[in-house]
Amino acid sequence: MATYLVGDIQGCYEPLQRLLEKINFDSSCDQFWSCGDLVNRGGKSLEVLRLLQQMGPAFAATLGNHDLHLLAADSRHPYGNCKNPELAKVLQAHDRESLVQWLTAQPLAAFSPEFNLLRVHAGVVPQWTCEQTLALAGEVSAVINSKDFWKFYRRMYGNRPAKWTDRRKGWARLRLISNILTRIRFCRADGKIDLKSTGAPGSQARGYRPWYRHRHRETRDVTIAFGHWASLGLRMKKRYLALDSGCVWGGQLSAIRLEDRALFQVPGVKR
């Protein structure tokens, strides 16, 4: 049995197939974990979702910002007339309801005691512990799995508020939790995030640092696996694993076998 952690797939169906073949993946005994962004930009999001859903309990993901974007599109377009043609194929598919329900059931954060590993799509702010991260992710999951899911998707977009405090309430609190877990790259020590800077470390605004570089981060006792940051690239460190190696941008699709940290890669989409 082996456990593989994969980077951002983003609708790149052929690279995903090649990667599964390369690792000789067996869904009867192996695990295939993702940090999110299963869909969008690669051209074959529908095929990717079907393949991953068919893995059953062998596959698990944490939702990324592109995954949430698909779920928001589902809530707004009951007839599938989404302007994004790749997402429209999902929304017009005969198995749309099954795929959307399956995707909605994926959490925004997950923890593995075996590997002392916290999985999120983008990152955390310094103030959050592992336990708090899981609890806050659960707040968003509870809403998107409730009858009020459409209310959240209507209010999900936007960069404000930008600074975390436990006193945040209502939709602003849920939007900020979602933005931190699925969009963060840079933040300040006081928990204020910068969502406008999307480049590599060094390109951020003054006073901000990559979220994982804060010395007193409360999650330093666990290893955090994340994707989202193609310009950061693949990084395999003791306390964090950055997995977005730019598959959809002509880079590579990467997977790490957690038992021994062996790296497996296949070429991404040609541009």
C-alpha atoms as a PDB file:
ATOM      1  CA  MET A   1       0.000   0.000   0.000  1.00  0.00           C
ATOM      2  CA  ALA A   2       1.250   3.478  -0.882  1.00  0.00           C
ATOM      3  CA  THR A   3      -0.086   6.991  -0.388  1.00  0.00           C
ATOM      4  CA  TYR A   4       0.481   9.526  -3.148  1.00  0.00           C
ATOM      5  CA  LEU A   5       0.040  13.273  -2.885  1.00  0.00           C
ATOM      6  CA  VAL A   6      -0.595  14.985  -6.237  1.00  0.00           C
ATOM      7  CA  GLY A   7      -0.303  18.599  -7.331  1.00  0.00           C
ATOM      8  CA  ASP A   8      -2.827  20.794  -9.147  1.00  0.00           C
ATOM      9  CA  ILE A   9      -4.460  18.810 -11.974  1.00  0.00           C
ATOM     10  CA  GLN A  10      -6.706  21.587 -13.356  1.00  0.00           C
ATOM     11  CA  GLY A  11      -8.441  19.531 -15.998  1.00  0.00           C
ATOM     12  CA  CYS A  12      -5.232  17.997 -17.404  1.00  0.00           C
ATOM     13  CA  TYR A  13      -6.624  14.542 -18.127  1.00  0.00           C
ATOM     14  CA  GLU A  14      -3.827  12.992 -20.195  1.00  0.00           C
ATOM     15  CA  PRO A  15      -1.053  13.963 -17.736  1.00  0.00           C
ATOM     16  CA  LEU A  16      -3.157  12.529 -14.920  1.00  0.00           C
ATOM     17  CA  GLN A  17      -3.526   9.254 -16.791  1.00  0.00           C
ATOM     18  CA  ARG A  18       0.219   9.100 -17.441  1.00  0.00           C
ATOM     19  CA  LEU A  19       1.000   9.808 -13.801  1.00  0.00           C
ATOM     20  CA  LEU A  20      -1.312   7.058 -12.578  1.00  0.00           C
ATOM     21  CA  GLU A  21       0.341   4.654 -15.007  1.00  0.00           C
ATOM     22  CA  LYS A  22       3.815   5.734 -13.896  1.00  0.00           C
ATOM     23  CA  ILE A  23       3.126   5.041 -10.230  1.00  0.00           C
ATOM     24  CA  ASN A  24       1.234   1.851 -11.120  1.00  0.00           C
ATOM     25  CA  PHE A  25      -1.661   3.082  -9.020  1.00  0.00           C
ATOM     26  CA  ASP A  26      -3.958   0.411  -7.610  1.00  0.00           C
ATOM     27  CA  SER A  27      -7.175   1.772  -6.110  1.00  0.00           C
ATOM     28  CA  SER A  28      -7.721  -1.474  -4.195  1.00  0.00           C
ATOM     29  CA  CYS A  29      -4.745  -0.795  -1.936  1.00  0.00           C
ATOM     30  CA  ASP A  30      -3.222   2.645  -2.678  1.00  0.00           C
ATOM     31  CA  GLN A  31      -4.364   6.147  -1.751  1.00  0.00           C
ATOM     32  CA  PHE A  32      -4.323   9.171  -4.065  1.00  0.00           C
ATOM     33  CA  TRP A  33      -4.649  12.517  -2.284  1.00  0.00           C
ATOM     34  CA  SER A  34      -5.006  15.946  -3.853  1.00  0.00           C
ATOM     35  CA  CYS A  35      -4.649  19.486  -2.511  1.00  0.00           C
ATOM     36  CA  GLY A  36      -7.319  20.730  -4.894  1.00  0.00           C
ATOM     37  CA  ASP A  37      -7.862  22.546  -8.163  1.00  0.00           C
ATOM     38  CA  LEU A  38      -9.020  19.438  -9.936  1.00  0.00           C
ATOM     39  CA  VAL A  39     -10.688  21.483 -12.660  1.00  0.00           C
ATOM     40  CA  ASN A  40     -10.400  24.421 -15.054  1.00  0.00           C
ATOM     41  CA  ARG A  41      -7.917  25.527 -17.738  1.00  0.00           C
ATOM     42  CA  GLY A  42      -6.597  22.128 -18.818  1.00  0.00           C
ATOM     43  CA  GLY A  43      -9.471  21.420 -21.185  1.00  0.00           C
ATOM     44  CA  LYS A  44     -10.802  18.137 -19.808  1.00  0.00           C
ATOM     45  CA  SER A  45     -12.234  18.836 -16.375  1.00  0.00           C
ATOM     46  CA  LEU A  46     -15.206  16.528 -16.952  1.00  0.00           C
ATOM     47  CA  GLU A  47     -12.944  13.576 -17.735  1.00  0.00           C
ATOM     48  CA  VAL A  48     -10.756  14.328 -14.714  1.00  0.00           C
ATOM     49  CA  LEU A  49     -13.716  14.444 -12.335  1.00  0.00           C
ATOM     50  CA  ARG A  50     -15.119  11.181 -13.664  1.00  0.00           C
ATOM     51  CA  LEU A  51     -11.783   9.407 -13.358  1.00  0.00           C
ATOM     52  CA  LEU A  52     -11.186  10.581  -9.794  1.00  0.00           C
ATOM     53  CA  GLN A  53     -14.749   9.858  -8.694  1.00  0.00           C
ATOM     54  CA  GLN A  54     -14.425   6.307 -10.002  1.00  0.00           C
ATOM     55  CA  MET A  55     -11.502   5.727  -7.617  1.00  0.00           C
ATOM     56  CA  GLY A  56     -13.981   5.674  -4.740  1.00  0.00           C
ATOM     57  CA  PRO A  57     -12.474   5.846  -1.244  1.00  0.00           C
ATOM     58  CA  ALA A  58      -8.941   5.583  -2.686  1.00  0.00           C
ATOM     59  CA  PHE A  59      -9.151   9.263  -3.668  1.00  0.00           C
ATOM     60  CA  ALA A  60      -9.492  12.308  -1.429  1.00  0.00           C
ATOM     61  CA  ALA A  61      -9.145  16.021  -2.144  1.00  0.00           C
ATOM     62  CA  THR A  62      -9.257  19.348  -0.409  1.00  0.00           C
ATOM     63  CA  LEU A  63     -11.170  21.941  -2.399  1.00  0.00           C
ATOM     64  CA  GLY A  64      -9.270  24.604  -4.335  1.00  0.00           C
ATOM     65  CA  ASN A  65     -10.413  27.978  -5.614  1.00  0.00           C
ATOM     66  CA  HIS A  66     -11.133  26.587  -9.098  1.00  0.00           C
ATOM     67  CA  ASP A  67     -13.191  23.775  -7.583  1.00  0.00           C
ATOM     68  CA  LEU A  68     -15.231  26.308  -5.621  1.00  0.00           C
ATOM     69  CA  HIS A  69     -15.628  28.311  -8.829  1.00  0.00           C
ATOM     70  CA  LEU A  70     -17.188  25.280 -10.509  1.00  0.00           C
ATOM     71  CA  LEU A  71     -19.543  24.752  -7.567  1.00  0.00           C
ATOM     72  CA  ALA A  72     -20.527  28.422  -7.678  1.00  0.00           C
ATOM     73  CA  ALA A  73     -21.210  28.101 -11.419  1.00  0.00           C
ATOM     74  CA  ASP A  74     -23.385  25.074 -10.713  1.00  0.00           C
ATOM     75  CA  SER A  75     -25.473  27.105  -8.261  1.00  0.00           C
ATOM     76  CA  ARG A  76     -25.933  29.960 -10.754  1.00  0.00           C
ATOM     77  CA  HIS A  77     -26.542  28.024 -13.967  1.00  0.00           C
ATOM     78  CA  PRO A  78     -29.226  25.355 -13.560  1.00  0.00           C
ATOM     79  CA  TYR A  79     -29.251  24.755 -17.323  1.00  0.00           C
ATOM     80  CA  GLY A  80     -25.480  24.629 -17.652  1.00  0.00           C
ATOM     81  CA  ASN A  81     -25.161  27.763 -19.782  1.00  0.00           C
ATOM     82  CA  CYS A  82     -21.887  28.814 -18.136  1.00  0.00           C
ATOM     83  CA  LYS A  83     -19.640  31.180 -20.118  1.00  0.00           C
ATOM     84  CA  ASN A  84     -16.610  29.031 -19.282  1.00  0.00           C
ATOM     85  CA  PRO A  85     -16.790  26.274 -21.953  1.00  0.00           C
ATOM     86  CA  GLU A  86     -14.746  23.791 -19.947  1.00  0.00           C
ATOM     87  CA  LEU A  87     -16.944  24.108 -16.881  1.00  0.00           C
ATOM     88  CA  ALA A  88     -20.060  24.184 -19.068  1.00  0.00           C
ATOM     89  CA  LYS A  89     -19.236  20.637 -20.221  1.00  0.00           C
ATOM     90  CA  VAL A  90     -19.413  19.512 -16.594  1.00  0.00           C
ATOM     91  CA  LEU A  91     -22.672  21.374 -16.014  1.00  0.00           C
ATOM     92  CA  GLN A  92     -24.241  19.934 -19.162  1.00  0.00           C
ATOM     93  CA  ALA A  93     -23.135  16.354 -18.503  1.00  0.00           C
ATOM     94  CA  HIS A  94     -25.663  13.615 -17.735  1.00  0.00           C
ATOM     95  CA  ASP A  95     -23.841  12.883 -14.465  1.00  0.00           C
ATOM     96  CA  ARG A  96     -23.597  16.535 -13.413  1.00  0.00           C
ATOM     97  CA  GLU A  97     -25.542  16.063 -10.174  1.00  0.00           C
ATOM     98  CA  SER A  98     -23.445  13.106  -9.079  1.00  0.00           C
ATOM     99  CA  LEU A  99     -20.168  14.884  -9.822  1.00  0.00           C
ATOM    100  CA  VAL A 100     -21.240  18.113  -8.089  1.00  0.00           C
ATOM    101  CA  GLN A 101     -22.430  16.259  -4.989  1.00  0.00           C
ATOM    102  CA  TRP A 102     -19.189  14.298  -4.855  1.00  0.00           C
ATOM    103  CA  LEU A 103     -17.080  17.435  -5.227  1.00  0.00           C
ATOM    104  CA  THR A 104     -19.112  19.355  -2.653  1.00  0.00           C
ATOM    105  CA  ALA A 105     -18.463  16.592  -0.127  1.00  0.00           C
ATOM    106  CA  GLN A 106     -14.685  17.145  -0.300  1.00  0.00           C
ATOM    107  CA  PRO A 107     -13.360  19.211   2.657  1.00  0.00           C
ATOM    108  CA  LEU A 108     -11.306  22.415   2.555  1.00  0.00           C
ATOM    109  CA  ALA A 109      -8.719  20.962   4.949  1.00  0.00           C
ATOM    110  CA  ALA A 110      -7.763  17.442   6.009  1.00  0.00           C
ATOM    111  CA  PHE A 111      -5.295  15.983   8.493  1.00  0.00           C
ATOM    112  CA  SER A 112      -3.470  12.648   8.459  1.00  0.00           C
ATOM    113  CA  PRO A 113      -2.140  11.551  11.881  1.00  0.00           C
ATOM    114  CA  GLU A 114      -0.074   8.839  10.183  1.00  0.00           C
ATOM    115  CA  PHE A 115       2.016  11.391   8.308  1.00  0.00           C
ATOM    116  CA  ASN A 116       1.375  14.343  10.648  1.00  0.00           C
ATOM    117  CA  LEU A 117       0.217  16.059   7.468  1.00  0.00           C
ATOM    118  CA  LEU A 118      -2.241  18.922   7.071  1.00  0.00           C
ATOM    119  CA  ARG A 119      -3.622  19.301   3.540  1.00  0.00           C
ATOM    120  CA  VAL A 120      -5.050  22.574   2.252  1.00  0.00           C
ATOM    121  CA  HIS A 121      -5.147  24.097  -1.194  1.00  0.00           C
ATOM    122  CA  ALA A 122      -3.266  27.344  -0.592  1.00  0.00           C
ATOM    123  CA  GLY A 123      -2.154  27.852   2.995  1.00  0.00           C
ATOM    124  CA  VAL A 124      -2.944  29.245   6.450  1.00  0.00           C
ATOM    125  CA  VAL A 125      -2.380  32.432   8.437  1.00  0.00           C
ATOM    126  CA  PRO A 126       0.172  32.389  11.283  1.00  0.00           C
ATOM    127  CA  GLN A 127      -2.489  32.529  14.008  1.00  0.00           C
ATOM    128  CA  TRP A 128      -4.220  29.273  13.065  1.00  0.00           C
ATOM    129  CA  THR A 129      -3.322  25.994  14.725  1.00  0.00           C
ATOM    130  CA  CYS A 130      -3.917  22.720  12.897  1.00  0.00           C
ATOM    131  CA  GLU A 131      -7.022  22.080  14.981  1.00  0.00           C
ATOM    132  CA  GLN A 132      -8.389  25.566  14.311  1.00  0.00           C
ATOM    133  CA  THR A 133      -7.703  25.222  10.591  1.00  0.00           C
ATOM    134  CA  LEU A 134      -9.767  22.043  10.459  1.00  0.00           C
ATOM    135  CA  ALA A 135     -12.569  23.615  12.485  1.00  0.00           C
ATOM    136  CA  LEU A 136     -12.722  26.746  10.323  1.00  0.00           C
ATOM    137  CA  ALA A 137     -12.651  24.684   7.137  1.00  0.00           C
ATOM    138  CA  GLY A 138     -15.549  22.743   8.604  1.00  0.00           C
ATOM    139  CA  GLU A 139     -17.568  25.952   8.971  1.00  0.00           C
ATOM    140  CA  VAL A 140     -17.381  26.555   5.216  1.00  0.00           C
ATOM    141  CA  SER A 141     -18.057  22.910   4.396  1.00  0.00           C
ATOM    142  CA  ALA A 142     -21.143  22.921   6.605  1.00  0.00           C
ATOM    143  CA  VAL A 143     -22.615  25.857   4.672  1.00  0.00           C
ATOM    144  CA  ILE A 144     -21.863  24.572   1.177  1.00  0.00           C
ATOM    145  CA  ASN A 145     -23.439  21.246   2.139  1.00  0.00           C
ATOM    146  CA  SER A 146     -26.563  22.942   3.517  1.00  0.00           C
ATOM    147  CA  LYS A 147     -29.693  24.342   1.869  1.00  0.00           C
ATOM    148  CA  ASP A 148     -28.085  27.797   2.057  1.00  0.00           C
ATOM    149  CA  PHE A 149     -25.161  26.823  -0.186  1.00  0.00           C
ATOM    150  CA  TRP A 150     -26.224  29.311  -2.878  1.00  0.00           C
ATOM    151  CA  LYS A 151     -26.033  32.195  -0.410  1.00  0.00           C
ATOM    152  CA  PHE A 152     -22.378  31.457   0.231  1.00  0.00           C
ATOM    153  CA  TYR A 153     -21.515  31.236  -3.468  1.00  0.00           C
ATOM    154  CA  ARG A 154     -23.185  34.597  -4.075  1.00  0.00           C
ATOM    155  CA  ARG A 155     -20.953  36.142  -1.406  1.00  0.00           C
ATOM    156  CA  MET A 156     -17.789  34.103  -1.933  1.00  0.00           C
ATOM    157  CA  TYR A 157     -16.014  36.431  -4.361  1.00  0.00           C
ATOM    158  CA  GLY A 158     -13.984  39.416  -3.211  1.00  0.00           C
ATOM    159  CA  ASN A 159     -10.783  40.235  -1.341  1.00  0.00           C
ATOM    160  CA  ARG A 160     -12.363  41.811   1.737  1.00  0.00           C
ATOM    161  CA  PRO A 161     -12.027  41.457   4.630  1.00  0.00           C
ATOM    162  CA  ALA A 162      -8.293  40.877   4.437  1.00  0.00           C
ATOM    163  CA  LYS A 163      -7.231  40.467   8.083  1.00  0.00           C
ATOM    164  CA  TRP A 164      -8.075  37.478  10.204  1.00  0.00           C
ATOM    165  CA  THR A 165      -9.564  37.862  13.646  1.00  0.00           C
ATOM    166  CA  ASP A 166     -11.560  35.309  15.596  1.00  0.00           C
ATOM    167  CA  ARG A 167     -14.252  37.962  16.020  1.00  0.00           C
ATOM    168  CA  ARG A 168     -15.235  37.865  12.344  1.00  0.00           C
ATOM    169  CA  LYS A 169     -18.813  36.774  11.864  1.00  0.00           C
ATOM    170  CA  GLY A 170     -21.291  35.953   9.142  1.00  0.00           C
ATOM    171  CA  TRP A 171     -20.565  35.802   5.422  1.00  0.00           C
ATOM    172  CA  ALA A 172     -17.449  37.976   5.781  1.00  0.00           C
ATOM    173  CA  ARG A 173     -15.960  35.354   8.108  1.00  0.00           C
ATOM    174  CA  LEU A 174     -16.749  32.515   5.703  1.00  0.00           C
ATOM    175  CA  ARG A 175     -15.383  34.450   2.714  1.00  0.00           C
ATOM    176  CA  LEU A 176     -12.130  35.148   4.541  1.00  0.00           C
ATOM    177  CA  ILE A 177     -11.733  31.537   5.662  1.00  0.00           C
ATOM    178  CA  SER A 178     -12.284  30.408   2.080  1.00  0.00           C
ATOM    179  CA  ASN A 179      -9.838  32.982   0.716  1.00  0.00           C
ATOM    180  CA  ILE A 180      -7.146  31.956   3.182  1.00  0.00           C
ATOM    181  CA  LEU A 181      -7.506  28.234   2.558  1.00  0.00           C
ATOM    182  CA  THR A 182      -7.821  28.441  -1.237  1.00  0.00           C
ATOM    183  CA  ARG A 183      -6.091  31.665  -2.363  1.00  0.00           C
ATOM    184  CA  ILE A 184      -3.413  32.828   0.096  1.00  0.00           C
ATOM    185  CA  ARG A 185       0.217  33.227  -0.928  1.00  0.00           C
ATOM    186  CA  PHE A 186       1.493  36.149   1.130  1.00  0.00           C
ATOM    187  CA  CYS A 187       0.468  37.513   4.508  1.00  0.00           C
ATOM    188  CA  ARG A 188       1.699  39.604   7.404  1.00  0.00           C
ATOM    189  CA  ALA A 189       2.467  38.321  10.889  1.00  0.00           C
ATOM    190  CA  ASP A 190      -0.773  39.858  12.148  1.00  0.00           C
ATOM    191  CA  GLY A 191      -2.883  37.737   9.796  1.00  0.00           C
ATOM    192  CA  LYS A 192      -3.546  40.248   7.019  1.00  0.00           C
ATOM    193  CA  ILE A 193      -3.422  38.604   3.607  1.00  0.00           C
ATOM    194  CA  ASP A 194      -2.391  39.997   0.222  1.00  0.00           C
ATOM    195  CA  LEU A 195      -4.401  38.437  -2.602  1.00  0.00           C
ATOM    196  CA  LYS A 196      -3.156  40.791  -5.300  1.00  0.00           C
ATOM    197  CA  SER A 197       0.444  39.517  -5.336  1.00  0.00           C
ATOM    198  CA  THR A 198       0.543  36.231  -7.270  1.00  0.00           C
ATOM    199  CA  GLY A 199       4.181  35.941  -8.311  1.00  0.00           C
ATOM    200  CA  ALA A 200       7.120  34.117  -6.798  1.00  0.00           C
ATOM    201  CA  PRO A 201       8.506  34.999  -3.357  1.00  0.00           C
ATOM    202  CA  GLY A 202      10.143  38.416  -3.576  1.00  0.00           C
ATOM    203  CA  SER A 203       7.383  39.913  -5.700  1.00  0.00           C
ATOM    204  CA  GLN A 204       5.070  40.656  -2.776  1.00  0.00           C
ATOM    205  CA  ALA A 205       4.213  44.004  -1.244  1.00  0.00           C
ATOM    206  CA  ARG A 206       6.365  45.418   1.516  1.00  0.00           C
ATOM    207  CA  GLY A 207       5.678  43.962   4.940  1.00  0.00           C
ATOM    208  CA  TYR A 208       4.354  40.648   3.606  1.00  0.00           C
ATOM    209  CA  ARG A 209       6.027  37.240   3.507  1.00  0.00           C
ATOM    210  CA  PRO A 210       5.107  33.861   2.042  1.00  0.00           C
ATOM    211  CA  TRP A 211       2.656  32.438   4.564  1.00  0.00           C
ATOM    212  CA  TYR A 212       4.916  29.448   5.341  1.00  0.00           C
ATOM    213  CA  ARG A 213       7.911  31.683   6.166  1.00  0.00           C
ATOM    214  CA  HIS A 214       6.483  33.244   9.318  1.00  0.00           C
ATOM    215  CA  ARG A 215       8.688  32.166  12.206  1.00  0.00           C
ATOM    216  CA  HIS A 216       5.955  31.922  14.826  1.00  0.00           C
ATOM    217  CA  ARG A 217       3.356  30.201  12.664  1.00  0.00           C
ATOM    218  CA  GLU A 218       1.131  28.046  14.910  1.00  0.00           C
ATOM    219  CA  THR A 219       1.175  25.144  12.436  1.00  0.00           C
ATOM    220  CA  ARG A 220       4.931  24.572  12.609  1.00  0.00           C
ATOM    221  CA  ASP A 221       4.318  21.326  14.508  1.00  0.00           C
ATOM    222  CA  VAL A 222       2.808  19.690  11.416  1.00  0.00           C
ATOM    223  CA  THR A 223       3.809  19.343   7.777  1.00  0.00           C
ATOM    224  CA  ILE A 224       1.530  21.300   5.461  1.00  0.00           C
ATOM    225  CA  ALA A 225       0.890  20.154   1.898  1.00  0.00           C
ATOM    226  CA  PHE A 226      -0.489  22.694  -0.549  1.00  0.00           C
ATOM    227  CA  GLY A 227      -0.716  23.571  -4.228  1.00  0.00           C
ATOM    228  CA  HIS A 228      -2.072  26.735  -5.851  1.00  0.00           C
ATOM    229  CA  TRP A 229       1.283  28.484  -6.379  1.00  0.00           C
ATOM    230  CA  ALA A 230       2.730  27.549  -9.772  1.00  0.00           C
ATOM    231  CA  SER A 231       5.266  30.395  -9.691  1.00  0.00           C
ATOM    232  CA  LEU A 232       6.627  28.980  -6.425  1.00  0.00           C
ATOM    233  CA  GLY A 233       7.078  25.577  -8.004  1.00  0.00           C
ATOM    234  CA  LEU A 234       7.685  22.195  -6.463  1.00  0.00           C
ATOM    235  CA  ARG A 235       9.305  22.337  -3.030  1.00  0.00           C
ATOM    236  CA  MET A 236       9.827  19.410  -0.687  1.00  0.00           C
ATOM    237  CA  LYS A 237      10.759  20.679   2.761  1.00  0.00           C
ATOM    238  CA  LYS A 238      10.562  19.178   6.239  1.00  0.00           C
ATOM    239  CA  ARG A 239       7.576  21.307   7.272  1.00  0.00           C
ATOM    240  CA  TYR A 240       5.871  21.948   3.963  1.00  0.00           C
ATOM    241  CA  LEU A 241       5.299  20.355   0.579  1.00  0.00           C
ATOM    242  CA  ALA A 242       4.510  22.719  -2.305  1.00  0.00           C
ATOM    243  CA  LEU A 243       3.023  20.631  -5.097  1.00  0.00           C
ATOM    244  CA  ASP A 244       1.924  22.930  -7.926  1.00  0.00           C
ATOM    245  CA  SER A 245       4.597  22.330 -10.556  1.00  0.00           C
ATOM    246  CA  GLY A 246       2.649  24.096 -13.305  1.00  0.00           C
ATOM    247  CA  CYS A 247       1.112  21.164 -15.167  1.00  0.00           C
ATOM    248  CA  VAL A 248      -1.488  23.356 -16.872  1.00  0.00           C
ATOM    249  CA  TRP A 249       1.188  25.904 -17.859  1.00  0.00           C
ATOM    250  CA  GLY A 250       3.445  23.426 -19.639  1.00  0.00           C
ATOM    251  CA  GLY A 251       5.307  22.318 -16.515  1.00  0.00           C
ATOM    252  CA  GLN A 252       4.881  18.943 -14.886  1.00  0.00           C
ATOM    253  CA  LEU A 253       2.292  17.039 -12.894  1.00  0.00           C
ATOM    254  CA  SER A 254       3.950  15.844  -9.710  1.00  0.00           C
ATOM    255  CA  ALA A 255       3.168  13.232  -7.079  1.00  0.00           C
ATOM    256  CA  ILE A 256       5.002  12.473  -3.849  1.00  0.00           C
ATOM    257  CA  ARG A 257       4.832   9.045  -2.226  1.00  0.00           C
ATOM    258  CA  LEU A 258       4.478   9.955   1.411  1.00  0.00           C
ATOM    259  CA  GLU A 259       5.980   6.788   2.847  1.00  0.00           C
ATOM    260  CA  ASP A 260       9.456   7.639   1.512  1.00  0.00           C
ATOM    261  CA  ARG A 261       8.970  11.028  -0.196  1.00  0.00           C
ATOM    262  CA  ALA A 262       9.831   9.583  -3.595  1.00  0.00           C
ATOM    263  CA  LEU A 263       8.956  12.008  -6.394  1.00  0.00           C
ATOM    264  CA  PHE A 264       7.146  11.057  -9.600  1.00  0.00           C
ATOM    265  CA  GLN A 265       6.567  13.488 -12.470  1.00  0.00           C
ATOM    266  CA  VAL A 266       5.116  13.512 -15.983  1.00  0.00           C
ATOM    267  CA  PRO A 267       5.068  16.341 -18.559  1.00  0.00           C
ATOM    268  CA  GLY A 268       2.115  18.692 -18.374  1.00  0.00           C
ATOM    269  CA  VAL A 269      -0.020  20.267 -21.061  1.00  0.00           C
ATOM    270  CA  LYS A 270       1.934  21.526 -24.064  1.00  0.00           C
ATOM    271  CA  ARG A 271       1.515  25.247 -24.697  1.00  0.00           C
END
